[in-house]
N, C-alpha and C. Protein backbone atom coordinates (compact mmCIF):
# COMPACT_ATOMS: atom_id res chain seq x y z
N UNK A 1 65.25 33.59 -16.05
CA UNK A 1 65.36 33.98 -17.45
C UNK A 1 66.82 34.35 -17.73
N UNK A 2 67.31 33.90 -18.83
CA UNK A 2 68.69 34.20 -19.23
C UNK A 2 68.81 35.67 -19.64
N UNK A 3 70.02 36.19 -19.49
CA UNK A 3 70.29 37.58 -19.87
C UNK A 3 69.95 37.82 -21.34
N UNK A 4 70.31 36.87 -22.20
CA UNK A 4 70.02 37.00 -23.63
C UNK A 4 68.51 37.13 -23.87
N UNK A 5 67.73 36.33 -23.17
CA UNK A 5 66.27 36.40 -23.31
C UNK A 5 65.73 37.75 -22.85
N UNK A 6 66.28 38.25 -21.73
CA UNK A 6 65.85 39.56 -21.23
C UNK A 6 66.18 40.65 -22.25
N UNK A 7 67.34 40.51 -22.91
CA UNK A 7 67.71 41.51 -23.92
C UNK A 7 66.75 41.47 -25.10
N UNK A 8 66.35 40.28 -25.53
CA UNK A 8 65.40 40.18 -26.64
C UNK A 8 64.04 40.75 -26.26
N UNK A 9 63.60 40.48 -25.03
CA UNK A 9 62.33 41.03 -24.55
C UNK A 9 62.39 42.56 -24.58
N UNK A 10 63.47 43.11 -24.04
CA UNK A 10 63.63 44.57 -24.02
C UNK A 10 63.76 45.13 -25.44
N UNK A 11 64.48 44.42 -26.30
CA UNK A 11 64.68 44.87 -27.68
C UNK A 11 63.35 45.01 -28.41
N UNK A 12 62.48 44.01 -28.29
CA UNK A 12 61.22 44.08 -29.04
C UNK A 12 60.23 45.05 -28.41
N UNK A 13 60.33 45.28 -27.11
CA UNK A 13 59.55 46.37 -26.51
C UNK A 13 60.05 47.70 -27.08
N UNK A 14 61.37 47.82 -27.23
CA UNK A 14 61.95 49.04 -27.79
C UNK A 14 61.60 49.21 -29.27
N UNK A 15 61.58 48.12 -30.02
CA UNK A 15 61.18 48.19 -31.44
C UNK A 15 59.74 48.71 -31.53
N UNK A 16 58.88 48.21 -30.69
CA UNK A 16 57.48 48.65 -30.69
C UNK A 16 57.39 50.13 -30.31
N UNK A 17 58.20 50.54 -29.34
CA UNK A 17 58.24 51.96 -28.97
C UNK A 17 58.76 52.80 -30.12
N UNK A 18 59.81 52.32 -30.81
CA UNK A 18 60.37 53.06 -31.94
C UNK A 18 59.34 53.22 -33.06
N UNK A 19 58.51 52.20 -33.26
CA UNK A 19 57.46 52.31 -34.27
C UNK A 19 56.44 53.39 -33.89
N UNK A 20 56.40 53.73 -32.61
CA UNK A 20 55.53 54.81 -32.14
C UNK A 20 56.05 56.20 -32.50
N UNK A 21 57.29 56.26 -32.99
CA UNK A 21 57.82 57.56 -33.43
C UNK A 21 57.12 58.03 -34.70
N UNK A 22 56.57 57.08 -35.46
CA UNK A 22 55.76 57.46 -36.61
C UNK A 22 54.46 58.04 -36.07
N UNK A 23 54.07 59.21 -36.52
CA UNK A 23 52.89 59.85 -35.91
C UNK A 23 51.61 59.05 -36.16
N UNK A 24 50.70 59.09 -35.16
CA UNK A 24 49.42 58.40 -35.35
C UNK A 24 48.59 59.14 -36.39
N UNK A 25 47.74 58.39 -37.05
CA UNK A 25 46.83 58.97 -38.04
C UNK A 25 45.42 58.96 -37.44
N UNK A 26 44.93 60.11 -37.02
CA UNK A 26 43.59 60.15 -36.44
C UNK A 26 42.52 59.95 -37.51
N UNK A 27 41.45 59.31 -37.11
CA UNK A 27 40.30 59.12 -38.00
C UNK A 27 39.12 59.86 -37.39
N UNK A 28 38.31 60.51 -38.22
CA UNK A 28 37.22 61.34 -37.68
C UNK A 28 36.08 60.55 -37.03
N UNK A 29 35.99 59.26 -37.30
CA UNK A 29 34.85 58.48 -36.84
C UNK A 29 35.18 57.51 -35.71
N UNK A 30 36.43 57.55 -35.20
CA UNK A 30 36.81 56.68 -34.09
C UNK A 30 37.88 57.37 -33.25
N UNK A 31 37.86 57.16 -31.94
CA UNK A 31 38.90 57.76 -31.10
C UNK A 31 40.23 56.99 -31.15
N UNK A 32 40.27 55.89 -31.87
CA UNK A 32 41.47 55.06 -31.97
C UNK A 32 42.21 55.43 -33.26
N UNK A 33 43.45 55.90 -33.15
CA UNK A 33 44.19 56.28 -34.35
C UNK A 33 44.85 55.08 -35.03
N UNK A 34 45.23 55.26 -36.26
CA UNK A 34 46.03 54.26 -36.97
C UNK A 34 47.48 54.49 -36.56
N UNK A 35 48.15 53.42 -36.12
CA UNK A 35 49.57 53.51 -35.78
C UNK A 35 50.30 52.33 -36.42
N UNK A 36 51.60 52.39 -36.38
CA UNK A 36 52.40 51.28 -36.92
C UNK A 36 52.80 50.28 -35.85
N UNK A 37 52.38 50.50 -34.61
CA UNK A 37 52.90 49.70 -33.51
C UNK A 37 52.45 48.25 -33.48
N UNK A 38 51.35 47.90 -34.10
CA UNK A 38 50.98 46.49 -34.14
C UNK A 38 51.97 45.70 -34.99
N UNK A 39 52.73 46.38 -35.83
CA UNK A 39 53.82 45.70 -36.54
C UNK A 39 54.82 45.15 -35.52
N UNK A 40 55.12 45.91 -34.48
CA UNK A 40 56.02 45.44 -33.43
C UNK A 40 55.46 44.25 -32.69
N UNK A 41 54.15 44.25 -32.45
CA UNK A 41 53.49 43.13 -31.78
C UNK A 41 53.65 41.86 -32.62
N UNK A 42 53.38 41.99 -33.92
CA UNK A 42 53.49 40.83 -34.82
C UNK A 42 54.93 40.33 -34.91
N UNK A 43 55.86 41.25 -35.00
CA UNK A 43 57.27 40.86 -35.06
C UNK A 43 57.71 40.17 -33.78
N UNK A 44 57.28 40.70 -32.64
CA UNK A 44 57.67 40.09 -31.36
C UNK A 44 57.24 38.63 -31.30
N UNK A 45 56.00 38.36 -31.64
CA UNK A 45 55.52 36.98 -31.59
C UNK A 45 56.18 36.09 -32.62
N UNK A 46 56.28 36.59 -33.85
CA UNK A 46 56.81 35.77 -34.94
C UNK A 46 58.31 35.53 -34.85
N UNK A 47 59.04 36.46 -34.24
CA UNK A 47 60.49 36.33 -34.16
C UNK A 47 60.93 35.70 -32.83
N UNK A 48 60.28 36.06 -31.73
CA UNK A 48 60.71 35.59 -30.42
C UNK A 48 59.98 34.35 -29.93
N UNK A 49 58.81 34.06 -30.48
CA UNK A 49 58.02 32.95 -29.98
C UNK A 49 57.04 33.40 -28.93
N UNK A 50 56.30 32.44 -28.39
CA UNK A 50 55.19 32.74 -27.49
C UNK A 50 55.64 33.41 -26.19
N UNK A 51 56.51 32.77 -25.47
CA UNK A 51 56.89 33.26 -24.14
C UNK A 51 57.59 34.61 -24.21
N UNK A 52 58.65 34.69 -24.98
CA UNK A 52 59.42 35.94 -25.04
C UNK A 52 58.66 37.04 -25.77
N UNK A 53 57.93 36.68 -26.82
CA UNK A 53 57.13 37.68 -27.53
C UNK A 53 56.06 38.27 -26.62
N UNK A 54 55.36 37.39 -25.90
CA UNK A 54 54.33 37.86 -24.96
C UNK A 54 54.94 38.72 -23.85
N UNK A 55 56.09 38.30 -23.33
CA UNK A 55 56.75 39.08 -22.27
C UNK A 55 57.21 40.45 -22.78
N UNK A 56 57.67 40.50 -24.03
CA UNK A 56 58.12 41.79 -24.56
C UNK A 56 56.96 42.78 -24.64
N UNK A 57 55.79 42.28 -25.02
CA UNK A 57 54.63 43.17 -25.09
C UNK A 57 54.06 43.46 -23.70
N UNK A 58 54.22 42.54 -22.76
CA UNK A 58 53.83 42.80 -21.38
C UNK A 58 54.70 43.93 -20.81
N UNK A 59 56.00 43.90 -21.11
CA UNK A 59 56.90 44.97 -20.70
C UNK A 59 56.45 46.30 -21.33
N UNK A 60 56.10 46.25 -22.61
CA UNK A 60 55.65 47.46 -23.29
C UNK A 60 54.39 48.03 -22.62
N UNK A 61 53.42 47.18 -22.33
CA UNK A 61 52.18 47.63 -21.69
C UNK A 61 52.50 48.22 -20.31
N UNK A 62 53.42 47.61 -19.59
CA UNK A 62 53.84 48.15 -18.29
C UNK A 62 54.41 49.56 -18.46
N UNK A 63 55.26 49.74 -19.48
CA UNK A 63 55.84 51.05 -19.74
C UNK A 63 54.76 52.09 -20.05
N UNK A 64 53.77 51.68 -20.84
CA UNK A 64 52.65 52.59 -21.14
C UNK A 64 51.93 52.95 -19.84
N UNK A 65 51.63 51.94 -19.03
CA UNK A 65 50.84 52.15 -17.81
C UNK A 65 51.54 53.09 -16.83
N UNK A 66 52.87 53.03 -16.75
CA UNK A 66 53.57 53.90 -15.80
C UNK A 66 53.84 55.29 -16.37
N UNK A 67 53.40 55.51 -17.61
CA UNK A 67 53.48 56.86 -18.17
C UNK A 67 54.59 57.11 -19.15
N UNK A 68 55.36 56.09 -19.50
CA UNK A 68 56.41 56.29 -20.50
C UNK A 68 55.75 56.67 -21.83
N UNK A 69 56.28 57.68 -22.51
CA UNK A 69 55.65 58.16 -23.76
C UNK A 69 56.04 57.28 -24.96
N UNK A 70 55.68 56.00 -24.90
CA UNK A 70 56.11 55.04 -25.91
C UNK A 70 55.06 54.75 -26.98
N UNK A 71 53.88 55.30 -26.80
CA UNK A 71 52.84 55.11 -27.82
C UNK A 71 52.97 56.19 -28.89
N UNK A 72 52.42 55.91 -30.06
CA UNK A 72 52.44 56.88 -31.15
C UNK A 72 51.94 58.22 -30.66
N UNK A 73 52.64 59.26 -31.05
CA UNK A 73 52.29 60.60 -30.62
C UNK A 73 52.86 60.95 -29.26
N UNK A 74 53.76 60.11 -28.72
CA UNK A 74 54.37 60.37 -27.43
C UNK A 74 53.42 60.21 -26.25
N UNK A 75 52.44 59.34 -26.42
CA UNK A 75 51.44 59.15 -25.37
C UNK A 75 51.85 58.01 -24.43
N UNK A 76 51.32 58.03 -23.25
CA UNK A 76 51.52 56.98 -22.27
C UNK A 76 50.74 57.34 -21.03
N UNK A 77 50.61 56.41 -20.12
CA UNK A 77 49.93 56.65 -18.86
C UNK A 77 48.67 55.82 -18.70
N UNK A 78 48.27 55.67 -17.47
CA UNK A 78 47.08 54.88 -17.15
C UNK A 78 45.81 55.39 -17.82
N UNK A 79 45.63 56.71 -17.99
CA UNK A 79 44.42 57.16 -18.70
C UNK A 79 44.31 56.60 -20.12
N UNK A 80 45.44 56.36 -20.77
CA UNK A 80 45.40 55.75 -22.12
C UNK A 80 44.89 54.32 -22.01
N UNK A 81 45.39 53.58 -21.02
CA UNK A 81 44.95 52.19 -20.82
C UNK A 81 43.46 52.14 -20.48
N UNK A 82 42.99 53.11 -19.73
CA UNK A 82 41.59 53.13 -19.33
C UNK A 82 40.68 53.78 -20.37
N UNK A 83 41.27 54.33 -21.43
CA UNK A 83 40.49 55.00 -22.47
C UNK A 83 40.14 54.07 -23.62
N UNK A 84 39.61 54.63 -24.71
CA UNK A 84 39.13 53.84 -25.84
C UNK A 84 40.17 52.93 -26.49
N UNK A 85 41.45 53.33 -26.45
CA UNK A 85 42.49 52.51 -27.08
C UNK A 85 43.04 51.44 -26.15
N UNK A 86 42.65 51.48 -24.89
CA UNK A 86 43.21 50.58 -23.88
C UNK A 86 43.08 49.10 -24.19
N UNK A 87 41.95 48.69 -24.69
CA UNK A 87 41.75 47.27 -24.99
C UNK A 87 42.69 46.77 -26.06
N UNK A 88 42.95 47.61 -27.05
CA UNK A 88 43.88 47.22 -28.10
C UNK A 88 45.28 47.03 -27.51
N UNK A 89 45.70 47.99 -26.70
CA UNK A 89 47.04 47.94 -26.10
C UNK A 89 47.14 46.74 -25.15
N UNK A 90 46.12 46.51 -24.34
CA UNK A 90 46.14 45.38 -23.41
C UNK A 90 46.14 44.04 -24.14
N UNK A 91 45.67 44.02 -25.37
CA UNK A 91 45.63 42.76 -26.14
C UNK A 91 47.01 42.38 -26.68
N UNK A 92 47.94 43.31 -26.73
CA UNK A 92 49.21 43.05 -27.40
C UNK A 92 50.01 41.89 -26.81
N UNK A 93 50.10 41.72 -25.47
CA UNK A 93 50.82 40.54 -24.97
C UNK A 93 50.15 39.23 -25.40
N UNK A 94 48.83 39.20 -25.37
CA UNK A 94 48.10 38.00 -25.79
C UNK A 94 48.33 37.75 -27.28
N UNK A 95 48.27 38.81 -28.08
CA UNK A 95 48.46 38.68 -29.53
C UNK A 95 49.84 38.14 -29.85
N UNK A 96 50.88 38.71 -29.24
CA UNK A 96 52.24 38.24 -29.49
C UNK A 96 52.40 36.79 -29.05
N UNK A 97 51.79 36.43 -27.91
CA UNK A 97 51.85 35.06 -27.42
C UNK A 97 51.21 34.09 -28.42
N UNK A 98 50.03 34.44 -28.90
CA UNK A 98 49.31 33.56 -29.86
C UNK A 98 50.12 33.41 -31.15
N UNK A 99 50.63 34.51 -31.68
CA UNK A 99 51.45 34.44 -32.90
C UNK A 99 52.65 33.54 -32.65
N UNK A 100 53.33 33.77 -31.54
CA UNK A 100 54.51 32.97 -31.21
C UNK A 100 54.19 31.50 -31.04
N UNK A 101 53.07 31.20 -30.42
CA UNK A 101 52.66 29.81 -30.23
C UNK A 101 52.44 29.12 -31.57
N UNK A 102 51.78 29.80 -32.48
CA UNK A 102 51.54 29.23 -33.81
C UNK A 102 52.85 29.06 -34.59
N UNK A 103 53.73 30.05 -34.51
CA UNK A 103 55.03 29.96 -35.18
C UNK A 103 55.81 28.77 -34.62
N UNK A 104 55.84 28.62 -33.31
CA UNK A 104 56.56 27.50 -32.70
C UNK A 104 55.95 26.16 -33.13
N UNK A 105 54.65 26.10 -33.18
CA UNK A 105 53.95 24.86 -33.54
C UNK A 105 54.32 24.41 -34.95
N UNK A 106 54.51 25.35 -35.85
CA UNK A 106 54.79 25.02 -37.25
C UNK A 106 56.23 25.37 -37.63
N UNK A 107 57.13 25.43 -36.66
CA UNK A 107 58.50 25.87 -36.86
C UNK A 107 59.19 25.19 -38.04
N UNK A 108 59.10 23.90 -38.14
CA UNK A 108 59.79 23.16 -39.20
C UNK A 108 59.19 23.36 -40.58
N UNK A 109 57.97 23.88 -40.65
CA UNK A 109 57.30 24.04 -41.94
C UNK A 109 56.87 25.49 -42.18
N UNK A 110 57.61 26.43 -41.62
CA UNK A 110 57.23 27.83 -41.76
C UNK A 110 57.52 28.37 -43.15
N UNK A 111 56.63 29.21 -43.61
CA UNK A 111 56.87 30.01 -44.82
C UNK A 111 56.14 31.34 -44.62
N UNK A 112 56.34 32.24 -45.54
CA UNK A 112 55.77 33.58 -45.39
C UNK A 112 54.25 33.53 -45.25
N UNK A 113 53.59 32.67 -46.01
CA UNK A 113 52.13 32.68 -46.00
C UNK A 113 51.57 32.11 -44.71
N UNK A 114 52.25 31.11 -44.14
CA UNK A 114 51.80 30.60 -42.84
C UNK A 114 51.96 31.66 -41.77
N UNK A 115 53.11 32.32 -41.75
CA UNK A 115 53.33 33.37 -40.74
C UNK A 115 52.34 34.52 -40.96
N UNK A 116 52.01 34.81 -42.21
CA UNK A 116 51.01 35.84 -42.52
C UNK A 116 49.67 35.47 -41.88
N UNK A 117 49.26 34.23 -42.02
CA UNK A 117 48.00 33.77 -41.41
C UNK A 117 48.10 33.86 -39.88
N UNK A 118 49.25 33.47 -39.31
CA UNK A 118 49.42 33.54 -37.86
C UNK A 118 49.34 34.98 -37.37
N UNK A 119 49.91 35.91 -38.16
CA UNK A 119 49.84 37.33 -37.80
C UNK A 119 48.40 37.84 -37.89
N UNK A 120 47.64 37.34 -38.83
CA UNK A 120 46.23 37.72 -38.91
C UNK A 120 45.47 37.19 -37.70
N UNK A 121 45.71 35.92 -37.36
CA UNK A 121 45.01 35.33 -36.21
C UNK A 121 45.37 36.07 -34.92
N UNK A 122 46.66 36.20 -34.63
CA UNK A 122 47.06 36.83 -33.38
C UNK A 122 47.04 38.35 -33.43
N UNK A 123 47.61 38.90 -34.49
CA UNK A 123 47.81 40.34 -34.57
C UNK A 123 46.59 41.13 -35.02
N UNK A 124 45.59 40.43 -35.52
CA UNK A 124 44.38 41.13 -35.93
C UNK A 124 43.16 40.58 -35.19
N UNK A 125 42.88 39.30 -35.34
CA UNK A 125 41.66 38.73 -34.74
C UNK A 125 41.70 38.86 -33.22
N UNK A 126 42.82 38.48 -32.60
CA UNK A 126 42.92 38.59 -31.13
C UNK A 126 42.84 40.06 -30.70
N UNK A 127 43.58 40.93 -31.40
CA UNK A 127 43.59 42.35 -31.05
C UNK A 127 42.19 42.94 -31.20
N UNK A 128 41.51 42.65 -32.28
CA UNK A 128 40.16 43.18 -32.48
C UNK A 128 39.17 42.57 -31.47
N UNK A 129 39.32 41.27 -31.17
CA UNK A 129 38.40 40.60 -30.25
C UNK A 129 38.47 41.18 -28.85
N UNK A 130 39.61 41.71 -28.47
CA UNK A 130 39.76 42.34 -27.16
C UNK A 130 39.52 43.85 -27.27
N UNK A 131 40.08 44.47 -28.30
CA UNK A 131 40.02 45.93 -28.43
C UNK A 131 38.66 46.49 -28.74
N UNK A 132 37.92 45.85 -29.62
CA UNK A 132 36.62 46.39 -30.03
C UNK A 132 35.60 46.38 -28.88
N UNK A 133 35.41 45.26 -28.17
CA UNK A 133 34.45 45.31 -27.05
C UNK A 133 34.87 46.30 -25.96
N UNK A 134 36.18 46.37 -25.70
CA UNK A 134 36.69 47.32 -24.70
C UNK A 134 36.38 48.75 -25.12
N UNK A 135 36.65 49.07 -26.39
CA UNK A 135 36.36 50.40 -26.90
C UNK A 135 34.86 50.70 -26.82
N UNK A 136 34.03 49.73 -27.20
CA UNK A 136 32.58 49.94 -27.15
C UNK A 136 32.12 50.20 -25.72
N UNK A 137 32.67 49.45 -24.77
CA UNK A 137 32.30 49.64 -23.36
C UNK A 137 32.72 51.02 -22.86
N UNK A 138 33.97 51.41 -23.15
CA UNK A 138 34.49 52.69 -22.65
C UNK A 138 33.77 53.88 -23.27
N UNK A 139 33.48 53.78 -24.57
CA UNK A 139 32.87 54.92 -25.27
C UNK A 139 31.35 54.93 -25.19
N UNK A 140 30.76 53.78 -24.87
CA UNK A 140 29.30 53.69 -24.85
C UNK A 140 28.69 53.58 -26.24
N UNK A 141 29.54 53.36 -27.24
CA UNK A 141 29.07 53.18 -28.62
C UNK A 141 28.71 51.71 -28.79
N UNK A 142 27.60 51.40 -29.47
CA UNK A 142 27.24 49.99 -29.66
C UNK A 142 28.37 49.18 -30.29
N UNK A 143 28.41 47.91 -29.92
CA UNK A 143 29.48 47.02 -30.37
C UNK A 143 29.56 46.95 -31.90
N UNK A 144 28.43 46.83 -32.57
CA UNK A 144 28.44 46.74 -34.03
C UNK A 144 28.99 48.01 -34.66
N UNK A 145 28.60 49.15 -34.17
CA UNK A 145 29.10 50.43 -34.72
C UNK A 145 30.61 50.55 -34.49
N UNK A 146 31.06 50.11 -33.32
CA UNK A 146 32.49 50.15 -33.02
C UNK A 146 33.24 49.20 -33.95
N UNK A 147 32.68 48.02 -34.16
CA UNK A 147 33.32 47.05 -35.06
C UNK A 147 33.38 47.59 -36.49
N UNK A 148 32.32 48.22 -36.93
CA UNK A 148 32.32 48.77 -38.29
C UNK A 148 33.35 49.88 -38.44
N UNK A 149 33.49 50.73 -37.43
CA UNK A 149 34.49 51.80 -37.52
C UNK A 149 35.90 51.22 -37.51
N UNK A 150 36.07 50.07 -36.89
CA UNK A 150 37.38 49.42 -36.83
C UNK A 150 37.77 48.78 -38.16
N UNK A 151 36.83 48.64 -39.07
CA UNK A 151 37.15 48.09 -40.39
C UNK A 151 38.17 48.96 -41.12
N UNK A 152 38.26 50.21 -40.73
CA UNK A 152 39.25 51.12 -41.35
C UNK A 152 40.68 50.66 -41.09
N UNK A 153 40.88 49.85 -40.06
CA UNK A 153 42.22 49.37 -39.73
C UNK A 153 42.65 48.16 -40.56
N UNK A 154 41.70 47.50 -41.20
CA UNK A 154 42.01 46.25 -41.91
C UNK A 154 43.11 46.37 -42.97
N UNK A 155 43.04 47.32 -43.91
CA UNK A 155 44.10 47.37 -44.94
C UNK A 155 45.50 47.56 -44.36
N UNK A 156 45.64 48.47 -43.42
CA UNK A 156 46.95 48.71 -42.81
C UNK A 156 47.43 47.52 -42.01
N UNK A 157 46.51 46.89 -41.29
CA UNK A 157 46.90 45.72 -40.49
C UNK A 157 47.30 44.54 -41.38
N UNK A 158 46.63 44.38 -42.51
CA UNK A 158 47.04 43.33 -43.45
C UNK A 158 48.43 43.60 -44.01
N UNK A 159 48.72 44.85 -44.30
CA UNK A 159 50.05 45.23 -44.78
C UNK A 159 51.10 44.97 -43.71
N UNK A 160 50.81 45.35 -42.46
CA UNK A 160 51.74 45.09 -41.36
C UNK A 160 51.95 43.59 -41.16
N UNK A 161 50.89 42.80 -41.30
CA UNK A 161 51.01 41.34 -41.16
C UNK A 161 51.93 40.78 -42.23
N UNK A 162 51.83 41.29 -43.44
CA UNK A 162 52.69 40.83 -44.52
C UNK A 162 54.14 41.22 -44.28
N UNK A 163 54.37 42.47 -43.89
CA UNK A 163 55.74 42.94 -43.62
C UNK A 163 56.36 42.12 -42.48
N UNK A 164 55.61 41.92 -41.39
CA UNK A 164 56.12 41.14 -40.26
C UNK A 164 56.43 39.71 -40.69
N UNK A 165 55.63 39.15 -41.57
CA UNK A 165 55.86 37.79 -42.04
C UNK A 165 57.13 37.68 -42.85
N UNK A 166 57.33 38.62 -43.75
CA UNK A 166 58.54 38.63 -44.57
C UNK A 166 59.79 38.77 -43.70
N UNK A 167 59.74 39.69 -42.75
CA UNK A 167 60.88 39.92 -41.86
C UNK A 167 61.14 38.69 -40.98
N UNK A 168 60.09 38.13 -40.40
CA UNK A 168 60.26 36.98 -39.50
C UNK A 168 60.86 35.78 -40.22
N UNK A 169 60.41 35.52 -41.43
CA UNK A 169 60.94 34.37 -42.17
C UNK A 169 62.41 34.62 -42.54
N UNK A 170 62.74 35.84 -42.90
CA UNK A 170 64.15 36.18 -43.21
C UNK A 170 65.02 36.00 -41.97
N UNK A 171 64.53 36.45 -40.82
CA UNK A 171 65.30 36.28 -39.58
C UNK A 171 65.45 34.80 -39.25
N UNK A 172 64.40 34.01 -39.45
CA UNK A 172 64.48 32.57 -39.20
C UNK A 172 65.56 31.95 -40.08
N UNK A 173 65.62 32.38 -41.33
CA UNK A 173 66.62 31.82 -42.26
C UNK A 173 68.04 32.27 -41.90
N UNK A 174 68.19 33.53 -41.50
CA UNK A 174 69.52 34.08 -41.24
C UNK A 174 70.04 33.77 -39.84
N UNK A 175 69.23 34.02 -38.85
CA UNK A 175 69.65 33.83 -37.45
C UNK A 175 68.40 33.65 -36.59
N UNK A 176 67.87 32.44 -36.55
CA UNK A 176 66.63 32.24 -35.79
C UNK A 176 66.82 32.51 -34.30
N UNK A 177 65.88 33.22 -33.73
CA UNK A 177 65.91 33.50 -32.30
C UNK A 177 65.10 32.48 -31.51
N UNK A 178 64.23 31.76 -32.20
CA UNK A 178 63.48 30.68 -31.58
C UNK A 178 64.33 29.42 -31.78
N UNK A 179 64.59 28.72 -30.69
CA UNK A 179 65.37 27.49 -30.78
C UNK A 179 64.46 26.33 -31.19
N UNK A 180 64.83 25.58 -32.23
CA UNK A 180 63.95 24.50 -32.71
C UNK A 180 63.55 23.51 -31.62
N UNK A 181 64.46 23.18 -30.71
CA UNK A 181 64.09 22.22 -29.66
C UNK A 181 63.02 22.79 -28.75
N UNK A 182 63.04 24.09 -28.52
CA UNK A 182 61.98 24.72 -27.74
C UNK A 182 60.67 24.72 -28.52
N UNK A 183 60.77 24.97 -29.81
CA UNK A 183 59.57 24.99 -30.64
C UNK A 183 58.95 23.60 -30.69
N UNK A 184 59.77 22.57 -30.84
CA UNK A 184 59.25 21.22 -30.90
C UNK A 184 58.64 20.81 -29.57
N UNK A 185 59.26 21.20 -28.47
CA UNK A 185 58.73 20.90 -27.16
C UNK A 185 57.36 21.56 -26.97
N UNK A 186 57.23 22.81 -27.45
CA UNK A 186 55.96 23.52 -27.31
C UNK A 186 54.86 22.85 -28.11
N UNK A 187 55.21 22.25 -29.23
CA UNK A 187 54.18 21.65 -30.08
C UNK A 187 53.68 20.33 -29.53
N UNK A 188 54.39 19.73 -28.58
CA UNK A 188 53.95 18.44 -28.06
C UNK A 188 53.00 18.60 -26.88
N UNK A 189 52.79 19.81 -26.40
CA UNK A 189 51.89 20.05 -25.26
C UNK A 189 50.52 20.41 -25.73
């Protein structure tokens, strides 16, 4: 991996950690708080692409697992990964990878609305598909009840998806971090 790529991976892990400085918003009906950190996941995938975006979130998850206080509220450590929020956090590398893969696939025809859809697919559907069953298993709450309580995250996640889309398209126009030849190569596989 090139030094520049390593810096981008570290940068987006740091961006996600910085978004954790905003305090979590606890909800009375779920042990999973509302945070701004999925914005970092969406940005990582949409700005860096599949490989680097996924690696940046893998680095972030590693930092959480070893106890770095990079999650909202200054949390970190293996108990967080093994607790109700763990599935959501573990989904972040996959989510960033999926978003990045879609962005690369449509690189030449990107616009805000396409990236918005990609952020919904990767940053919401993938995250919920991994996080909700994990939370239900850890808490012992039925899957449907867990899914219904997670509906509270939809408005904020849609807003984060829109913000990430606007930022990613602006970065693509000003100084794209995804190289078009890499994006085109990814779309042919």
